[in-house]
Amino acid sequence: MPGMPDPAAGERQTLINFLAFQQNAFLGVSYGLTDEQARTTPTVSALSIGGLIKHVTFCQKGWTERAEHAPAMPAPDARPMDELMAEYEDQYVMREDETLAGLIEDLVAQNAETLRVFGEADLDAPVPVPHDVPWFPQDIDHWSVRWVLLHLVEELSRHAGHADIVRESVDGATMYELLAAAEEWPETDWLKRWRPAAV
């Protein structure tokens, strides 16, 4: 989990590095949490660290499938709408039968698949815009794979910001001290590694 994305000479690798950096934000923000802490919702929002990790895992899966199937659409999900909506709502909740380790394992696997697809896909390939979703544009028929990759960077960074606020509300920890602990960075007068609060 580097502190900044690695530089790269070409466009594709630069995009991939920024995507990987945002993926890794969720490993950093969850560092050292217990299952109970990952499940808690300490702000005015209903979001938890565990719920955010679940959501970005599902979010990446959906967009990655769109990019992988371009210029076609992914196979439609034939399940009833109430089942689809229940699954969507469940994405934001870390249930009692779920563990942080299990959610991170799923995230890491999806991260790797996302990077694989965008590492191989034609960045200019057209990705169909579904016109049955009200927040998708109605006046264009296709995005590009490049646009989808950048949208994932945007989506992950937005939720990483949410996660930063939730984590700080849980135990006061912030990004750089968490990264310093996870990566064992040398301490300075102004940056100390995160340590669990004394019981």
C-alpha atoms as a PDB file:
ATOM      1  CA  MET A   1       0.000   0.000   0.000  1.00  0.00           C
ATOM      2  CA  PRO A   2       2.194   2.864  -1.217  1.00  0.00           C
ATOM      3  CA  GLY A   3       1.505   6.424  -0.114  1.00  0.00           C
ATOM      4  CA  MET A   4       1.065   7.582  -3.725  1.00  0.00           C
ATOM      5  CA  PRO A   5       0.463   5.902  -7.090  1.00  0.00           C
ATOM      6  CA  ASP A   6       3.617   4.811  -8.890  1.00  0.00           C
ATOM      7  CA  PRO A   7       4.521   6.897 -11.961  1.00  0.00           C
ATOM      8  CA  ALA A   8       4.342   5.198 -15.343  1.00  0.00           C
ATOM      9  CA  ALA A   9       5.387   6.065 -18.880  1.00  0.00           C
ATOM     10  CA  GLY A  10       2.199   5.113 -20.703  1.00  0.00           C
ATOM     11  CA  GLU A  11      -1.464   6.003 -20.380  1.00  0.00           C
ATOM     12  CA  ARG A  12      -2.732   2.506 -19.578  1.00  0.00           C
ATOM     13  CA  GLN A  13      -0.235   1.823 -16.802  1.00  0.00           C
ATOM     14  CA  THR A  14      -0.805   5.278 -15.324  1.00  0.00           C
ATOM     15  CA  LEU A  15      -4.553   4.601 -15.187  1.00  0.00           C
ATOM     16  CA  ILE A  16      -3.974   1.141 -13.733  1.00  0.00           C
ATOM     17  CA  ASN A  17      -1.672   2.546 -11.051  1.00  0.00           C
ATOM     18  CA  PHE A  18      -4.245   5.128  -9.974  1.00  0.00           C
ATOM     19  CA  LEU A  19      -6.949   2.472  -9.922  1.00  0.00           C
ATOM     20  CA  ALA A  20      -4.779   0.151  -7.809  1.00  0.00           C
ATOM     21  CA  PHE A  21      -3.995   3.003  -5.428  1.00  0.00           C
ATOM     22  CA  GLN A  22      -7.690   3.625  -4.785  1.00  0.00           C
ATOM     23  CA  GLN A  23      -8.320  -0.101  -4.377  1.00  0.00           C
ATOM     24  CA  ASN A  24      -5.606  -0.250  -1.723  1.00  0.00           C
ATOM     25  CA  ALA A  25      -7.165   2.624   0.214  1.00  0.00           C
ATOM     26  CA  PHE A  26      -9.695   0.154   1.643  1.00  0.00           C
ATOM     27  CA  LEU A  27      -6.941  -2.138   2.899  1.00  0.00           C
ATOM     28  CA  GLY A  28      -5.321   0.808   4.633  1.00  0.00           C
ATOM     29  CA  VAL A  29      -8.480   2.259   6.165  1.00  0.00           C
ATOM     30  CA  SER A  30      -9.485  -1.117   7.623  1.00  0.00           C
ATOM     31  CA  TYR A  31      -6.044  -1.902   9.041  1.00  0.00           C
ATOM     32  CA  GLY A  32      -6.170  -3.099  12.649  1.00  0.00           C
ATOM     33  CA  LEU A  33      -9.963  -3.112  12.988  1.00  0.00           C
ATOM     34  CA  THR A  34     -11.880  -5.839  14.757  1.00  0.00           C
ATOM     35  CA  ASP A  35     -15.011  -7.285  13.166  1.00  0.00           C
ATOM     36  CA  GLU A  36     -17.113  -5.323  15.645  1.00  0.00           C
ATOM     37  CA  GLN A  37     -15.369  -2.061  14.758  1.00  0.00           C
ATOM     38  CA  ALA A  38     -15.658  -2.755  11.012  1.00  0.00           C
ATOM     39  CA  ARG A  39     -19.398  -3.322  11.468  1.00  0.00           C
ATOM     40  CA  THR A  40     -20.086  -0.186  13.503  1.00  0.00           C
ATOM     41  CA  THR A  41     -21.762   2.934  12.056  1.00  0.00           C
ATOM     42  CA  PRO A  42     -20.334   5.769  14.173  1.00  0.00           C
ATOM     43  CA  THR A  43     -21.429   8.756  12.052  1.00  0.00           C
ATOM     44  CA  VAL A  44     -24.801  10.182  11.034  1.00  0.00           C
ATOM     45  CA  SER A  45     -24.524   7.916   7.973  1.00  0.00           C
ATOM     46  CA  ALA A  46     -25.503   4.238   7.968  1.00  0.00           C
ATOM     47  CA  LEU A  47     -22.110   3.398   6.413  1.00  0.00           C
ATOM     48  CA  SER A  48     -19.545   1.156   8.060  1.00  0.00           C
ATOM     49  CA  ILE A  49     -16.042   0.180   6.948  1.00  0.00           C
ATOM     50  CA  GLY A  50     -17.217  -3.378   6.301  1.00  0.00           C
ATOM     51  CA  GLY A  51     -20.236  -2.183   4.348  1.00  0.00           C
ATOM     52  CA  LEU A  52     -18.112   0.118   2.208  1.00  0.00           C
ATOM     53  CA  ILE A  53     -15.695  -2.720   1.455  1.00  0.00           C
ATOM     54  CA  LYS A  54     -18.623  -4.900   0.369  1.00  0.00           C
ATOM     55  CA  HIS A  55     -20.034  -2.142  -1.810  1.00  0.00           C
ATOM     56  CA  VAL A  56     -16.792  -1.336  -3.645  1.00  0.00           C
ATOM     57  CA  THR A  57     -16.255  -5.053  -4.261  1.00  0.00           C
ATOM     58  CA  PHE A  58     -19.689  -5.354  -5.918  1.00  0.00           C
ATOM     59  CA  CYS A  59     -19.284  -2.006  -7.668  1.00  0.00           C
ATOM     60  CA  GLN A  60     -16.003  -3.070  -9.258  1.00  0.00           C
ATOM     61  CA  LYS A  61     -17.508  -6.396 -10.301  1.00  0.00           C
ATOM     62  CA  GLY A  62     -20.374  -4.738 -12.179  1.00  0.00           C
ATOM     63  CA  TRP A  63     -18.265  -2.181 -14.027  1.00  0.00           C
ATOM     64  CA  THR A  64     -15.500  -4.683 -14.765  1.00  0.00           C
ATOM     65  CA  GLU A  65     -18.009  -7.046 -16.353  1.00  0.00           C
ATOM     66  CA  ARG A  66     -19.265  -4.185 -18.536  1.00  0.00           C
ATOM     67  CA  ALA A  67     -15.720  -3.447 -19.706  1.00  0.00           C
ATOM     68  CA  GLU A  68     -14.887  -7.114 -20.281  1.00  0.00           C
ATOM     69  CA  HIS A  69     -17.979  -7.718 -22.435  1.00  0.00           C
ATOM     70  CA  ALA A  70     -17.598  -4.540 -24.513  1.00  0.00           C
ATOM     71  CA  PRO A  71     -18.899  -3.829 -27.082  1.00  0.00           C
ATOM     72  CA  ALA A  72     -21.683  -6.217 -25.995  1.00  0.00           C
ATOM     73  CA  MET A  73     -23.696  -6.027 -22.791  1.00  0.00           C
ATOM     74  CA  PRO A  74     -23.053  -8.531 -19.986  1.00  0.00           C
ATOM     75  CA  ALA A  75     -25.613 -11.329 -19.713  1.00  0.00           C
ATOM     76  CA  PRO A  76     -28.728  -9.977 -17.968  1.00  0.00           C
ATOM     77  CA  ASP A  77     -29.466 -11.046 -14.409  1.00  0.00           C
ATOM     78  CA  ALA A  78     -32.760 -12.901 -14.623  1.00  0.00           C
ATOM     79  CA  ARG A  79     -33.532 -12.882 -10.900  1.00  0.00           C
ATOM     80  CA  PRO A  80     -36.684 -11.095  -9.676  1.00  0.00           C
ATOM     81  CA  MET A  81     -36.331  -7.368  -8.974  1.00  0.00           C
ATOM     82  CA  ASP A  82     -37.043  -7.746  -5.250  1.00  0.00           C
ATOM     83  CA  GLU A  83     -34.131 -10.196  -4.987  1.00  0.00           C
ATOM     84  CA  LEU A  84     -31.829  -7.843  -6.906  1.00  0.00           C
ATOM     85  CA  MET A  85     -32.827  -4.914  -4.693  1.00  0.00           C
ATOM     86  CA  ALA A  86     -32.279  -6.945  -1.518  1.00  0.00           C
ATOM     87  CA  GLU A  87     -28.787  -7.856  -2.729  1.00  0.00           C
ATOM     88  CA  TYR A  88     -28.063  -4.209  -3.533  1.00  0.00           C
ATOM     89  CA  GLU A  89     -29.130  -3.057  -0.075  1.00  0.00           C
ATOM     90  CA  ASP A  90     -27.102  -5.854   1.526  1.00  0.00           C
ATOM     91  CA  GLN A  91     -23.961  -4.494  -0.189  1.00  0.00           C
ATOM     92  CA  TYR A  92     -23.854  -1.639   2.304  1.00  0.00           C
ATOM     93  CA  VAL A  93     -24.195  -3.728   5.472  1.00  0.00           C
ATOM     94  CA  MET A  94     -21.635  -5.924   7.193  1.00  0.00           C
ATOM     95  CA  ARG A  95     -23.834  -8.647   8.632  1.00  0.00           C
ATOM     96  CA  GLU A  96     -23.187 -10.476  11.895  1.00  0.00           C
ATOM     97  CA  ASP A  97     -22.280 -13.627   9.959  1.00  0.00           C
ATOM     98  CA  GLU A  98     -19.560 -11.801   7.971  1.00  0.00           C
ATOM     99  CA  THR A  99     -15.960 -11.156   8.990  1.00  0.00           C
ATOM    100  CA  LEU A 100     -13.649  -8.345   7.990  1.00  0.00           C
ATOM    101  CA  ALA A 101     -11.059 -10.906   6.868  1.00  0.00           C
ATOM    102  CA  GLY A 102     -13.634 -12.539   4.591  1.00  0.00           C
ATOM    103  CA  LEU A 103     -14.723  -9.215   3.096  1.00  0.00           C
ATOM    104  CA  ILE A 104     -11.104  -8.206   2.485  1.00  0.00           C
ATOM    105  CA  GLU A 105     -10.406 -11.567   0.843  1.00  0.00           C
ATOM    106  CA  ASP A 106     -13.305 -10.958  -1.564  1.00  0.00           C
ATOM    107  CA  LEU A 107     -12.105  -7.400  -2.211  1.00  0.00           C
ATOM    108  CA  VAL A 108      -8.522  -8.462  -2.948  1.00  0.00           C
ATOM    109  CA  ALA A 109      -9.750 -11.116  -5.404  1.00  0.00           C
ATOM    110  CA  GLN A 110     -11.989  -8.593  -7.184  1.00  0.00           C
ATOM    111  CA  ASN A 111      -9.207  -6.000  -7.204  1.00  0.00           C
ATOM    112  CA  ALA A 112      -6.968  -8.457  -9.053  1.00  0.00           C
ATOM    113  CA  GLU A 113      -9.703  -9.329 -11.559  1.00  0.00           C
ATOM    114  CA  THR A 114     -10.452  -5.652 -12.178  1.00  0.00           C
ATOM    115  CA  LEU A 115      -6.791  -4.875 -12.833  1.00  0.00           C
ATOM    116  CA  ARG A 116      -6.503  -7.904 -15.135  1.00  0.00           C
ATOM    117  CA  VAL A 117      -9.472  -6.872 -17.271  1.00  0.00           C
ATOM    118  CA  PHE A 118      -8.431  -3.241 -17.607  1.00  0.00           C
ATOM    119  CA  GLY A 119      -4.850  -4.285 -18.243  1.00  0.00           C
ATOM    120  CA  GLU A 120      -5.976  -6.276 -21.294  1.00  0.00           C
ATOM    121  CA  ALA A 121      -9.069  -4.481 -22.627  1.00  0.00           C
ATOM    122  CA  ASP A 122      -9.122  -2.105 -25.581  1.00  0.00           C
ATOM    123  CA  LEU A 123      -9.433   1.283 -23.885  1.00  0.00           C
ATOM    124  CA  ASP A 124     -11.353   2.655 -26.870  1.00  0.00           C
ATOM    125  CA  ALA A 125     -13.899  -0.173 -27.029  1.00  0.00           C
ATOM    126  CA  PRO A 126     -17.502   1.077 -26.709  1.00  0.00           C
ATOM    127  CA  VAL A 127     -19.350   0.116 -23.518  1.00  0.00           C
ATOM    128  CA  PRO A 128     -23.150   0.249 -23.968  1.00  0.00           C
ATOM    129  CA  VAL A 129     -25.041   2.689 -21.765  1.00  0.00           C
ATOM    130  CA  PRO A 130     -28.168   1.076 -20.267  1.00  0.00           C
ATOM    131  CA  HIS A 131     -31.020   3.534 -20.787  1.00  0.00           C
ATOM    132  CA  ASP A 132     -33.248   1.978 -18.123  1.00  0.00           C
ATOM    133  CA  VAL A 133     -31.162   3.507 -15.304  1.00  0.00           C
ATOM    134  CA  PRO A 134     -32.337   7.074 -14.572  1.00  0.00           C
ATOM    135  CA  TRP A 135     -28.944   8.463 -13.530  1.00  0.00           C
ATOM    136  CA  PHE A 136     -27.193   7.192 -16.680  1.00  0.00           C
ATOM    137  CA  PRO A 137     -27.146   9.594 -19.648  1.00  0.00           C
ATOM    138  CA  GLN A 138     -30.050   9.236 -22.041  1.00  0.00           C
ATOM    139  CA  ASP A 139     -28.420  11.126 -24.909  1.00  0.00           C
ATOM    140  CA  ILE A 140     -25.402   8.837 -25.520  1.00  0.00           C
ATOM    141  CA  ASP A 141     -25.299   5.161 -26.397  1.00  0.00           C
ATOM    142  CA  HIS A 142     -21.749   4.231 -25.374  1.00  0.00           C
ATOM    143  CA  TRP A 143     -18.988   5.021 -22.945  1.00  0.00           C
ATOM    144  CA  SER A 144     -15.456   3.803 -23.648  1.00  0.00           C
ATOM    145  CA  VAL A 145     -13.530   1.289 -21.544  1.00  0.00           C
ATOM    146  CA  ARG A 146     -11.210   4.208 -20.700  1.00  0.00           C
ATOM    147  CA  TRP A 147     -14.203   6.163 -19.342  1.00  0.00           C
ATOM    148  CA  VAL A 148     -15.298   3.143 -17.262  1.00  0.00           C
ATOM    149  CA  LEU A 149     -11.798   2.806 -15.772  1.00  0.00           C
ATOM    150  CA  LEU A 150     -11.757   6.496 -14.846  1.00  0.00           C
ATOM    151  CA  HIS A 151     -15.265   6.200 -13.417  1.00  0.00           C
ATOM    152  CA  LEU A 152     -14.053   3.373 -11.167  1.00  0.00           C
ATOM    153  CA  VAL A 153     -11.192   5.586  -9.948  1.00  0.00           C
ATOM    154  CA  GLU A 154     -13.794   8.265  -9.186  1.00  0.00           C
ATOM    155  CA  GLU A 155     -16.178   5.819  -7.490  1.00  0.00           C
ATOM    156  CA  LEU A 156     -13.477   4.215  -5.341  1.00  0.00           C
ATOM    157  CA  SER A 157     -11.984   7.553  -4.313  1.00  0.00           C
ATOM    158  CA  ARG A 158     -15.412   8.870  -3.286  1.00  0.00           C
ATOM    159  CA  HIS A 159     -16.014   5.853  -1.075  1.00  0.00           C
ATOM    160  CA  ALA A 160     -12.447   5.898   0.249  1.00  0.00           C
ATOM    161  CA  GLY A 161     -13.225   9.400   1.523  1.00  0.00           C
ATOM    162  CA  HIS A 162     -16.354   8.078   3.198  1.00  0.00           C
ATOM    163  CA  ALA A 163     -14.285   5.303   4.754  1.00  0.00           C
ATOM    164  CA  ASP A 164     -11.691   7.781   6.059  1.00  0.00           C
ATOM    165  CA  ILE A 165     -14.383   9.673   7.954  1.00  0.00           C
ATOM    166  CA  VAL A 166     -15.971   6.510   9.317  1.00  0.00           C
ATOM    167  CA  ARG A 167     -12.593   5.156  10.449  1.00  0.00           C
ATOM    168  CA  GLU A 168     -11.618   8.379  12.194  1.00  0.00           C
ATOM    169  CA  SER A 169     -14.986   8.282  13.962  1.00  0.00           C
ATOM    170  CA  VAL A 170     -14.349   4.696  15.111  1.00  0.00           C
ATOM    171  CA  ASP A 171     -10.974   5.199  16.809  1.00  0.00           C
ATOM    172  CA  GLY A 172      -9.451   8.491  15.668  1.00  0.00           C
ATOM    173  CA  ALA A 173      -7.109   6.852  13.144  1.00  0.00           C
ATOM    174  CA  THR A 174      -6.226   8.691   9.934  1.00  0.00           C
ATOM    175  CA  MET A 175      -4.785   7.524   6.626  1.00  0.00           C
ATOM    176  CA  TYR A 176      -1.084   8.297   6.958  1.00  0.00           C
ATOM    177  CA  GLU A 177      -0.676   6.814  10.429  1.00  0.00           C
ATOM    178  CA  LEU A 178      -2.533   3.686   9.268  1.00  0.00           C
ATOM    179  CA  LEU A 179      -0.298   3.391   6.204  1.00  0.00           C
ATOM    180  CA  ALA A 180       2.750   4.018   8.360  1.00  0.00           C
ATOM    181  CA  ALA A 181       1.741   1.118  10.587  1.00  0.00           C
ATOM    182  CA  ALA A 182       0.781  -1.226   7.743  1.00  0.00           C
ATOM    183  CA  GLU A 183       3.933  -0.469   5.724  1.00  0.00           C
ATOM    184  CA  GLU A 184       6.205  -0.011   8.758  1.00  0.00           C
ATOM    185  CA  TRP A 185       7.339   3.419   7.601  1.00  0.00           C
ATOM    186  CA  PRO A 186       9.990   5.050   9.783  1.00  0.00           C
ATOM    187  CA  GLU A 187       8.463   7.391  12.341  1.00  0.00           C
ATOM    188  CA  THR A 188       9.209  11.107  12.370  1.00  0.00           C
ATOM    189  CA  ASP A 189       8.466  13.945  14.774  1.00  0.00           C
ATOM    190  CA  TRP A 190       5.267  14.592  12.815  1.00  0.00           C
ATOM    191  CA  LEU A 191       4.191  11.111  11.703  1.00  0.00           C
ATOM    192  CA  LYS A 192       3.721   8.199  14.096  1.00  0.00           C
ATOM    193  CA  ARG A 193       2.486   4.712  13.307  1.00  0.00           C
ATOM    194  CA  TRP A 194      -1.060   3.896  14.336  1.00  0.00           C
ATOM    195  CA  ARG A 195      -1.296   1.722  17.405  1.00  0.00           C
ATOM    196  CA  PRO A 196      -4.408   0.215  19.001  1.00  0.00           C
ATOM    197  CA  ALA A 197      -5.706   2.204  21.939  1.00  0.00           C
ATOM    198  CA  ALA A 198      -4.742   0.769  25.306  1.00  0.00           C
ATOM    199  CA  VAL A 199      -7.535  -1.296  26.838  1.00  0.00           C
END
